[in-house]
């Protein structure tokens, strides 16, 4: 039971004429819930019901107040406390936090709140299964330039690996190879593992001229570039490949591809000299 007597203001404290607002009451409840979580004194479902009621109270005010910002800060602290222990509890807290942000100007949020939103959106399962959290969360992160840039890079990487998983699981001529080829720059061991899969796909489906161009313009380790030319010669040479279909021929007669190959061959000759 939460008692409001603990939060009554004594005469002489400068609070004689102040009254506990609805948001202030929500803040009292949230702080008590945080204390119960830290002390492990109540089951989480009990605390979650209280937090949900407190969140609904905080939405009753028509104006944004400093108490709304403080309420979000307490929710962020609760989210930190449960994140490592239970993903489901973390998602529940994150959802309440995002819902409460609607009463706050994003530019006024504390770093603790912003970082907790950021940590939540790094969890791929949250983006996939709890799409309602993503739109507001993304707007919050955009207010922080450093986090926004980091999140953009991480998101691009996540999408690339999602495409990689799809590519490795199901070979299809519809697969876009450019995101897969871009992963070659991340790590030489990863590149060595991916190259045979990429050229197997090119041999079977042909791909697009831009796929071959991107491979030929690879700017990573020289040993990887050599392997790219080796694999390309395997599918392009009549001596090594008895069945060069029209799809491979289309790749190799593309003007931009030929120019890039010629330019690279001259560069390699210059290195030998």
C-alpha atoms as a PDB file:
ATOM      1  CA  UNK A   1       0.000   0.000   0.000  1.00  0.00           C
ATOM      2  CA  UNK A   2       1.396   3.412  -0.940  1.00  0.00           C
ATOM      3  CA  UNK A   3       0.839   6.028   1.703  1.00  0.00           C
ATOM      4  CA  UNK A   4       0.695   9.688   0.736  1.00  0.00           C
ATOM      5  CA  UNK A   5       1.492  10.779   4.265  1.00  0.00           C
ATOM      6  CA  UNK A   6       5.162  10.116   3.513  1.00  0.00           C
ATOM      7  CA  UNK A   7       4.969  12.878   0.940  1.00  0.00           C
ATOM      8  CA  UNK A   8       3.009  15.524   2.876  1.00  0.00           C
ATOM      9  CA  UNK A   9       4.748  18.868   3.146  1.00  0.00           C
ATOM     10  CA  UNK A  10       5.290  20.227   6.645  1.00  0.00           C
ATOM     11  CA  UNK A  11       4.580  23.891   7.407  1.00  0.00           C
ATOM     12  CA  UNK A  12       7.686  25.986   7.089  1.00  0.00           C
ATOM     13  CA  UNK A  13       9.104  23.956   4.210  1.00  0.00           C
ATOM     14  CA  UNK A  14       7.821  26.460   1.664  1.00  0.00           C
ATOM     15  CA  UNK A  15       5.125  24.092   0.403  1.00  0.00           C
ATOM     16  CA  UNK A  16       2.162  25.277   2.456  1.00  0.00           C
ATOM     17  CA  UNK A  17       0.088  26.366  -0.528  1.00  0.00           C
ATOM     18  CA  UNK A  18       1.187  23.658  -2.974  1.00  0.00           C
ATOM     19  CA  UNK A  19      -1.053  20.726  -3.766  1.00  0.00           C
ATOM     20  CA  UNK A  20      -0.152  17.301  -5.061  1.00  0.00           C
ATOM     21  CA  UNK A  21      -1.035  17.273  -8.770  1.00  0.00           C
ATOM     22  CA  UNK A  22      -2.078  14.194 -10.724  1.00  0.00           C
ATOM     23  CA  UNK A  23       1.359  14.051 -12.315  1.00  0.00           C
ATOM     24  CA  UNK A  24       2.895  14.533  -8.877  1.00  0.00           C
ATOM     25  CA  UNK A  25       0.863  11.595  -7.595  1.00  0.00           C
ATOM     26  CA  UNK A  26       2.005   9.521 -10.564  1.00  0.00           C
ATOM     27  CA  UNK A  27       5.581  10.466  -9.708  1.00  0.00           C
ATOM     28  CA  UNK A  28       5.103   9.346  -6.090  1.00  0.00           C
ATOM     29  CA  UNK A  29       3.788   5.976  -7.267  1.00  0.00           C
ATOM     30  CA  UNK A  30       6.625   5.520  -9.779  1.00  0.00           C
ATOM     31  CA  UNK A  31       9.278   6.243  -7.125  1.00  0.00           C
ATOM     32  CA  UNK A  32       7.688   3.741  -4.759  1.00  0.00           C
ATOM     33  CA  UNK A  33       7.629   1.160  -7.564  1.00  0.00           C
ATOM     34  CA  UNK A  34      11.310   1.779  -8.250  1.00  0.00           C
ATOM     35  CA  UNK A  35      12.092   1.192  -4.586  1.00  0.00           C
ATOM     36  CA  UNK A  36      10.073  -2.048  -4.564  1.00  0.00           C
ATOM     37  CA  UNK A  37      11.931  -3.319  -7.644  1.00  0.00           C
ATOM     38  CA  UNK A  38      15.325  -2.577  -6.114  1.00  0.00           C
ATOM     39  CA  UNK A  39      14.268  -4.314  -2.901  1.00  0.00           C
ATOM     40  CA  UNK A  40      12.561  -7.192  -4.766  1.00  0.00           C
ATOM     41  CA  UNK A  41       9.718  -6.839  -2.302  1.00  0.00           C
ATOM     42  CA  UNK A  42       6.817  -7.368  -4.727  1.00  0.00           C
ATOM     43  CA  UNK A  43       6.247  -9.458  -7.876  1.00  0.00           C
ATOM     44  CA  UNK A  44       6.684  -7.487 -11.086  1.00  0.00           C
ATOM     45  CA  UNK A  45       3.095  -7.938 -12.315  1.00  0.00           C
ATOM     46  CA  UNK A  46       1.922  -6.110  -9.166  1.00  0.00           C
ATOM     47  CA  UNK A  47       4.375  -3.270  -9.779  1.00  0.00           C
ATOM     48  CA  UNK A  48       3.469  -3.104 -13.473  1.00  0.00           C
ATOM     49  CA  UNK A  49      -0.210  -2.549 -12.631  1.00  0.00           C
ATOM     50  CA  UNK A  50       0.773   0.355 -10.384  1.00  0.00           C
ATOM     51  CA  UNK A  51       3.063   1.822 -13.048  1.00  0.00           C
ATOM     52  CA  UNK A  52       0.343   1.543 -15.675  1.00  0.00           C
ATOM     53  CA  UNK A  53      -2.098   3.395 -13.412  1.00  0.00           C
ATOM     54  CA  UNK A  54       0.544   6.024 -12.669  1.00  0.00           C
ATOM     55  CA  UNK A  55       1.208   6.446 -16.380  1.00  0.00           C
ATOM     56  CA  UNK A  56      -2.500   7.002 -17.033  1.00  0.00           C
ATOM     57  CA  UNK A  57      -2.555   9.619 -14.266  1.00  0.00           C
ATOM     58  CA  UNK A  58       0.393  11.442 -15.783  1.00  0.00           C
ATOM     59  CA  UNK A  59      -1.519  11.819 -19.050  1.00  0.00           C
ATOM     60  CA  UNK A  60      -4.419  13.654 -17.411  1.00  0.00           C
ATOM     61  CA  UNK A  61      -2.682  17.029 -17.435  1.00  0.00           C
ATOM     62  CA  UNK A  62      -3.158  19.193 -20.515  1.00  0.00           C
ATOM     63  CA  UNK A  63       0.205  20.912 -20.146  1.00  0.00           C
ATOM     64  CA  UNK A  64       3.786  19.664 -20.124  1.00  0.00           C
ATOM     65  CA  UNK A  65       5.387  20.054 -16.707  1.00  0.00           C
ATOM     66  CA  UNK A  66       8.738  19.376 -15.110  1.00  0.00           C
ATOM     67  CA  UNK A  67       7.013  16.561 -13.216  1.00  0.00           C
ATOM     68  CA  UNK A  68       6.292  14.829 -16.547  1.00  0.00           C
ATOM     69  CA  UNK A  69      10.011  14.905 -17.321  1.00  0.00           C
ATOM     70  CA  UNK A  70      10.852  13.582 -13.865  1.00  0.00           C
ATOM     71  CA  UNK A  71       8.241  10.846 -14.227  1.00  0.00           C
ATOM     72  CA  UNK A  72       9.942   9.711 -17.458  1.00  0.00           C
ATOM     73  CA  UNK A  73      13.302   9.765 -15.699  1.00  0.00           C
ATOM     74  CA  UNK A  74      11.990   7.454 -12.959  1.00  0.00           C
ATOM     75  CA  UNK A  75      10.540   5.110 -15.610  1.00  0.00           C
ATOM     76  CA  UNK A  76      13.945   5.069 -17.329  1.00  0.00           C
ATOM     77  CA  UNK A  77      15.591   4.150 -14.015  1.00  0.00           C
ATOM     78  CA  UNK A  78      13.094   1.312 -13.580  1.00  0.00           C
ATOM     79  CA  UNK A  79      13.799   0.154 -17.128  1.00  0.00           C
ATOM     80  CA  UNK A  80      17.534   0.041 -16.356  1.00  0.00           C
ATOM     81  CA  UNK A  81      16.827  -2.003 -13.234  1.00  0.00           C
ATOM     82  CA  UNK A  82      14.824  -4.690 -15.058  1.00  0.00           C
ATOM     83  CA  UNK A  83      16.651  -4.767 -18.412  1.00  0.00           C
ATOM     84  CA  UNK A  84      19.274  -7.337 -17.482  1.00  0.00           C
ATOM     85  CA  UNK A  85      16.884  -9.519 -15.485  1.00  0.00           C
ATOM     86  CA  UNK A  86      13.913  -9.934 -17.824  1.00  0.00           C
ATOM     87  CA  UNK A  87      13.427  -8.954 -21.452  1.00  0.00           C
ATOM     88  CA  UNK A  88       9.636  -9.074 -21.125  1.00  0.00           C
ATOM     89  CA  UNK A  89       9.662  -6.780 -18.092  1.00  0.00           C
ATOM     90  CA  UNK A  90      12.062  -4.485 -19.915  1.00  0.00           C
ATOM     91  CA  UNK A  91       9.726  -4.293 -22.911  1.00  0.00           C
ATOM     92  CA  UNK A  92       6.791  -3.498 -20.620  1.00  0.00           C
ATOM     93  CA  UNK A  93       8.710  -0.653 -18.956  1.00  0.00           C
ATOM     94  CA  UNK A  94       9.972   0.647 -22.275  1.00  0.00           C
ATOM     95  CA  UNK A  95       6.428   0.713 -23.638  1.00  0.00           C
ATOM     96  CA  UNK A  96       5.230   2.773 -20.640  1.00  0.00           C
ATOM     97  CA  UNK A  97       8.211   5.097 -21.024  1.00  0.00           C
ATOM     98  CA  UNK A  98       7.524   5.699 -24.712  1.00  0.00           C
ATOM     99  CA  UNK A  99       3.827   6.255 -23.980  1.00  0.00           C
ATOM    100  CA  UNK A 100       4.718   8.841 -21.326  1.00  0.00           C
ATOM    101  CA  UNK A 101       7.050  10.703 -23.693  1.00  0.00           C
ATOM    102  CA  UNK A 102       4.039  12.085 -25.531  1.00  0.00           C
ATOM    103  CA  UNK A 103       3.693  14.653 -22.760  1.00  0.00           C
ATOM    104  CA  UNK A 104       7.331  15.762 -22.962  1.00  0.00           C
ATOM    105  CA  UNK A 105       9.315  17.889 -25.408  1.00  0.00           C
ATOM    106  CA  UNK A 106      11.997  15.548 -26.737  1.00  0.00           C
ATOM    107  CA  UNK A 107      14.649  18.266 -26.606  1.00  0.00           C
ATOM    108  CA  UNK A 108      14.192  18.514 -22.813  1.00  0.00           C
ATOM    109  CA  UNK A 109      14.623  14.817 -22.031  1.00  0.00           C
ATOM    110  CA  UNK A 110      17.526  13.829 -19.804  1.00  0.00           C
ATOM    111  CA  UNK A 111      20.430  11.782 -21.180  1.00  0.00           C
ATOM    112  CA  UNK A 112      19.319   8.834 -19.020  1.00  0.00           C
ATOM    113  CA  UNK A 113      15.941   8.710 -20.769  1.00  0.00           C
ATOM    114  CA  UNK A 114      17.429   9.090 -24.262  1.00  0.00           C
ATOM    115  CA  UNK A 115      20.037   6.381 -23.662  1.00  0.00           C
ATOM    116  CA  UNK A 116      17.410   3.972 -22.352  1.00  0.00           C
ATOM    117  CA  UNK A 117      15.314   4.492 -25.483  1.00  0.00           C
ATOM    118  CA  UNK A 118      18.480   3.970 -27.528  1.00  0.00           C
ATOM    119  CA  UNK A 119      19.262   0.703 -25.697  1.00  0.00           C
ATOM    120  CA  UNK A 120      15.724  -0.485 -26.295  1.00  0.00           C
ATOM    121  CA  UNK A 121      15.842   0.131 -30.044  1.00  0.00           C
ATOM    122  CA  UNK A 122      19.119  -1.809 -30.282  1.00  0.00           C
ATOM    123  CA  UNK A 123      17.150  -4.943 -29.397  1.00  0.00           C
ATOM    124  CA  UNK A 124      16.095  -6.426 -32.732  1.00  0.00           C
ATOM    125  CA  UNK A 125      13.211  -8.333 -31.144  1.00  0.00           C
ATOM    126  CA  UNK A 126      11.682  -5.081 -29.899  1.00  0.00           C
ATOM    127  CA  UNK A 127      11.757  -3.579 -33.393  1.00  0.00           C
ATOM    128  CA  UNK A 128      10.308  -6.767 -34.869  1.00  0.00           C
ATOM    129  CA  UNK A 129       7.612  -7.620 -32.323  1.00  0.00           C
ATOM    130  CA  UNK A 130       6.804  -4.235 -30.758  1.00  0.00           C
ATOM    131  CA  UNK A 131       6.589  -1.831 -33.680  1.00  0.00           C
ATOM    132  CA  UNK A 132       4.528   0.618 -31.621  1.00  0.00           C
ATOM    133  CA  UNK A 133       7.683   1.541 -29.682  1.00  0.00           C
ATOM    134  CA  UNK A 134       9.780   2.332 -32.744  1.00  0.00           C
ATOM    135  CA  UNK A 135       8.304   5.576 -34.246  1.00  0.00           C
ATOM    136  CA  UNK A 136       8.494   7.710 -31.091  1.00  0.00           C
ATOM    137  CA  UNK A 137      11.742   6.078 -30.016  1.00  0.00           C
ATOM    138  CA  UNK A 138      13.363   6.975 -33.318  1.00  0.00           C
ATOM    139  CA  UNK A 139      12.227  10.601 -33.006  1.00  0.00           C
ATOM    140  CA  UNK A 140      13.795  10.782 -29.535  1.00  0.00           C
ATOM    141  CA  UNK A 141      17.135   9.460 -30.800  1.00  0.00           C
ATOM    142  CA  UNK A 142      17.172  11.958 -33.680  1.00  0.00           C
ATOM    143  CA  UNK A 143      17.406  14.754 -31.100  1.00  0.00           C
ATOM    144  CA  UNK A 144      20.880  13.458 -30.168  1.00  0.00           C
ATOM    145  CA  UNK A 145      23.277  13.832 -33.107  1.00  0.00           C
ATOM    146  CA  UNK A 146      25.890  11.343 -31.858  1.00  0.00           C
ATOM    147  CA  UNK A 147      23.365   8.631 -30.979  1.00  0.00           C
ATOM    148  CA  UNK A 148      21.455   9.273 -34.183  1.00  0.00           C
ATOM    149  CA  UNK A 149      24.559   8.652 -36.313  1.00  0.00           C
ATOM    150  CA  UNK A 150      25.485   5.539 -34.315  1.00  0.00           C
ATOM    151  CA  UNK A 151      21.974   4.170 -34.572  1.00  0.00           C
ATOM    152  CA  UNK A 152      21.855   4.786 -38.321  1.00  0.00           C
ATOM    153  CA  UNK A 153      25.076   2.789 -38.805  1.00  0.00           C
ATOM    154  CA  UNK A 154      23.836  -0.028 -36.576  1.00  0.00           C
ATOM    155  CA  UNK A 155      20.478  -0.124 -38.370  1.00  0.00           C
ATOM    156  CA  UNK A 156      22.175  -0.383 -41.763  1.00  0.00           C
ATOM    157  CA  UNK A 157      24.320  -3.226 -40.442  1.00  0.00           C
ATOM    158  CA  UNK A 158      21.272  -4.978 -39.010  1.00  0.00           C
ATOM    159  CA  UNK A 159      19.463  -4.731 -42.354  1.00  0.00           C
ATOM    160  CA  UNK A 160      22.555  -6.017 -44.205  1.00  0.00           C
ATOM    161  CA  UNK A 161      22.820  -9.093 -41.991  1.00  0.00           C
ATOM    162  CA  UNK A 162      19.086  -9.662 -42.276  1.00  0.00           C
ATOM    163  CA  UNK A 163      19.550  -9.710 -46.062  1.00  0.00           C
ATOM    164  CA  UNK A 164      22.539 -12.028 -45.636  1.00  0.00           C
ATOM    165  CA  UNK A 165      20.485 -14.512 -43.619  1.00  0.00           C
ATOM    166  CA  UNK A 166      17.791 -14.440 -46.296  1.00  0.00           C
ATOM    167  CA  UNK A 167      20.411 -14.900 -49.041  1.00  0.00           C
ATOM    168  CA  UNK A 168      22.092 -17.871 -47.369  1.00  0.00           C
ATOM    169  CA  UNK A 169      18.790 -19.525 -46.504  1.00  0.00           C
ATOM    170  CA  UNK A 170      17.128 -19.149 -49.888  1.00  0.00           C
ATOM    171  CA  UNK A 171      19.072 -18.645 -53.119  1.00  0.00           C
ATOM    172  CA  UNK A 172      16.950 -16.830 -55.648  1.00  0.00           C
ATOM    173  CA  UNK A 173      17.581 -14.719 -58.718  1.00  0.00           C
ATOM    174  CA  UNK A 174      15.538 -12.003 -56.991  1.00  0.00           C
ATOM    175  CA  UNK A 175      18.154 -11.587 -54.256  1.00  0.00           C
ATOM    176  CA  UNK A 176      19.872  -8.207 -54.166  1.00  0.00           C
ATOM    177  CA  UNK A 177      23.621  -8.874 -53.965  1.00  0.00           C
ATOM    178  CA  UNK A 178      24.772  -5.310 -53.257  1.00  0.00           C
ATOM    179  CA  UNK A 179      24.017  -5.452 -49.480  1.00  0.00           C
ATOM    180  CA  UNK A 180      25.747  -8.857 -49.337  1.00  0.00           C
ATOM    181  CA  UNK A 181      28.798  -7.628 -51.231  1.00  0.00           C
ATOM    182  CA  UNK A 182      29.058  -4.597 -48.918  1.00  0.00           C
ATOM    183  CA  UNK A 183      29.677  -6.983 -46.007  1.00  0.00           C
ATOM    184  CA  UNK A 184      32.972  -8.075 -47.596  1.00  0.00           C
ATOM    185  CA  UNK A 185      34.618  -4.936 -46.223  1.00  0.00           C
ATOM    186  CA  UNK A 186      33.755  -5.740 -42.617  1.00  0.00           C
ATOM    187  CA  UNK A 187      36.142  -8.652 -42.073  1.00  0.00           C
ATOM    188  CA  UNK A 188      38.556 -10.651 -44.242  1.00  0.00           C
ATOM    189  CA  UNK A 189      37.433 -14.001 -42.776  1.00  0.00           C
ATOM    190  CA  UNK A 190      33.809 -13.126 -43.476  1.00  0.00           C
ATOM    191  CA  UNK A 191      34.789 -12.106 -47.024  1.00  0.00           C
ATOM    192  CA  UNK A 192      36.547 -15.417 -47.673  1.00  0.00           C
ATOM    193  CA  UNK A 193      33.441 -17.304 -46.528  1.00  0.00           C
ATOM    194  CA  UNK A 194      31.023 -15.190 -48.576  1.00  0.00           C
ATOM    195  CA  UNK A 195      32.869 -15.018 -51.883  1.00  0.00           C
ATOM    196  CA  UNK A 196      32.155 -18.635 -52.952  1.00  0.00           C
ATOM    197  CA  UNK A 197      28.441 -18.138 -52.136  1.00  0.00           C
ATOM    198  CA  UNK A 198      28.314 -14.873 -54.077  1.00  0.00           C
ATOM    199  CA  UNK A 199      29.991 -16.317 -57.175  1.00  0.00           C
ATOM    200  CA  UNK A 200      27.897 -19.459 -57.005  1.00  0.00           C
ATOM    201  CA  UNK A 201      24.878 -17.171 -57.192  1.00  0.00           C
ATOM    202  CA  UNK A 202      26.419 -15.213 -60.101  1.00  0.00           C
ATOM    203  CA  UNK A 203      27.180 -18.423 -61.964  1.00  0.00           C
ATOM    204  CA  UNK A 204      23.632 -19.686 -61.553  1.00  0.00           C
ATOM    205  CA  UNK A 205      21.593 -16.492 -61.974  1.00  0.00           C
ATOM    206  CA  UNK A 206      24.029 -13.988 -63.466  1.00  0.00           C
ATOM    207  CA  UNK A 207      23.168 -11.128 -61.162  1.00  0.00           C
ATOM    208  CA  UNK A 208      23.409  -7.575 -62.480  1.00  0.00           C
ATOM    209  CA  UNK A 209      26.328  -5.626 -63.986  1.00  0.00           C
ATOM    210  CA  UNK A 210      26.379  -3.379 -60.899  1.00  0.00           C
ATOM    211  CA  UNK A 211      27.010  -6.480 -58.766  1.00  0.00           C
ATOM    212  CA  UNK A 212      30.151  -7.280 -60.740  1.00  0.00           C
ATOM    213  CA  UNK A 213      31.207  -3.621 -60.754  1.00  0.00           C
ATOM    214  CA  UNK A 214      30.895  -3.433 -56.988  1.00  0.00           C
ATOM    215  CA  UNK A 215      33.018  -6.571 -56.630  1.00  0.00           C
ATOM    216  CA  UNK A 216      35.667  -5.251 -59.032  1.00  0.00           C
ATOM    217  CA  UNK A 217      35.830  -1.943 -57.172  1.00  0.00           C
ATOM    218  CA  UNK A 218      36.416  -3.679 -53.852  1.00  0.00           C
ATOM    219  CA  UNK A 219      38.879  -1.590 -51.829  1.00  0.00           C
ATOM    220  CA  UNK A 220      39.674  -3.962 -48.975  1.00  0.00           C
ATOM    221  CA  UNK A 221      42.596  -6.339 -48.518  1.00  0.00           C
ATOM    222  CA  UNK A 222      44.559  -7.193 -51.659  1.00  0.00           C
ATOM    223  CA  UNK A 223      44.190 -10.942 -51.033  1.00  0.00           C
ATOM    224  CA  UNK A 224      40.396 -10.567 -51.198  1.00  0.00           C
ATOM    225  CA  UNK A 225      40.660  -8.630 -54.472  1.00  0.00           C
ATOM    226  CA  UNK A 226      42.794 -11.431 -55.902  1.00  0.00           C
ATOM    227  CA  UNK A 227      40.171 -13.979 -54.890  1.00  0.00           C
ATOM    228  CA  UNK A 228      37.475 -11.902 -56.568  1.00  0.00           C
ATOM    229  CA  UNK A 229      39.387 -12.014 -59.873  1.00  0.00           C
ATOM    230  CA  UNK A 230      40.027 -15.720 -59.396  1.00  0.00           C
ATOM    231  CA  UNK A 231      36.340 -16.481 -58.890  1.00  0.00           C
ATOM    232  CA  UNK A 232      35.393 -14.205 -61.791  1.00  0.00           C
ATOM    233  CA  UNK A 233      37.788 -16.020 -64.120  1.00  0.00           C
ATOM    234  CA  UNK A 234      36.292 -19.335 -63.005  1.00  0.00           C
ATOM    235  CA  UNK A 235      32.848 -18.382 -64.293  1.00  0.00           C
ATOM    236  CA  UNK A 236      34.057 -16.349 -67.304  1.00  0.00           C
ATOM    237  CA  UNK A 237      36.695 -18.658 -68.817  1.00  0.00           C
ATOM    238  CA  UNK A 238      35.516 -21.180 -71.468  1.00  0.00           C
ATOM    239  CA  UNK A 239      38.369 -23.416 -70.309  1.00  0.00           C
ATOM    240  CA  UNK A 240      37.012 -23.602 -66.757  1.00  0.00           C
ATOM    241  CA  UNK A 241      33.302 -23.235 -67.347  1.00  0.00           C
ATOM    242  CA  UNK A 242      31.779 -25.246 -70.191  1.00  0.00           C
ATOM    243  CA  UNK A 243      28.337 -23.688 -69.903  1.00  0.00           C
ATOM    244  CA  UNK A 244      28.536 -19.914 -70.010  1.00  0.00           C
ATOM    245  CA  UNK A 245      24.941 -18.842 -70.344  1.00  0.00           C
ATOM    246  CA  UNK A 246      23.667 -15.566 -71.729  1.00  0.00           C
ATOM    247  CA  UNK A 247      23.223 -14.261 -68.177  1.00  0.00           C
ATOM    248  CA  UNK A 248      27.003 -14.488 -67.576  1.00  0.00           C
ATOM    249  CA  UNK A 249      27.777 -13.055 -71.003  1.00  0.00           C
ATOM    250  CA  UNK A 250      25.602 -10.037 -70.237  1.00  0.00           C
ATOM    251  CA  UNK A 251      27.694  -9.349 -67.149  1.00  0.00           C
ATOM    252  CA  UNK A 252      31.003  -9.576 -68.963  1.00  0.00           C
ATOM    253  CA  UNK A 253      30.206  -7.442 -72.006  1.00  0.00           C
ATOM    254  CA  UNK A 254      28.833  -4.552 -69.967  1.00  0.00           C
ATOM    255  CA  UNK A 255      30.933  -1.504 -70.931  1.00  0.00           C
ATOM    256  CA  UNK A 256      31.429  -0.275 -67.376  1.00  0.00           C
ATOM    257  CA  UNK A 257      32.473  -3.746 -66.231  1.00  0.00           C
ATOM    258  CA  UNK A 258      34.993  -4.062 -69.066  1.00  0.00           C
ATOM    259  CA  UNK A 259      36.439  -0.618 -68.350  1.00  0.00           C
ATOM    260  CA  UNK A 260      36.846  -1.405 -64.659  1.00  0.00           C
ATOM    261  CA  UNK A 261      38.516  -4.737 -65.398  1.00  0.00           C
ATOM    262  CA  UNK A 262      40.894  -3.136 -67.934  1.00  0.00           C
ATOM    263  CA  UNK A 263      41.766  -0.312 -65.555  1.00  0.00           C
ATOM    264  CA  UNK A 264      42.456  -2.786 -62.765  1.00  0.00           C
ATOM    265  CA  UNK A 265      44.651  -4.958 -65.034  1.00  0.00           C
ATOM    266  CA  UNK A 266      46.785  -1.948 -65.964  1.00  0.00           C
ATOM    267  CA  UNK A 267      47.084  -1.002 -62.292  1.00  0.00           C
ATOM    268  CA  UNK A 268      48.242  -4.501 -61.394  1.00  0.00           C
ATOM    269  CA  UNK A 269      50.854  -4.417 -64.200  1.00  0.00           C
ATOM    270  CA  UNK A 270      52.184  -1.124 -62.858  1.00  0.00           C
ATOM    271  CA  UNK A 271      52.589  -2.699 -59.418  1.00  0.00           C
ATOM    272  CA  UNK A 272      54.626  -5.550 -60.913  1.00  0.00           C
ATOM    273  CA  UNK A 273      56.967  -3.129 -62.635  1.00  0.00           C
END
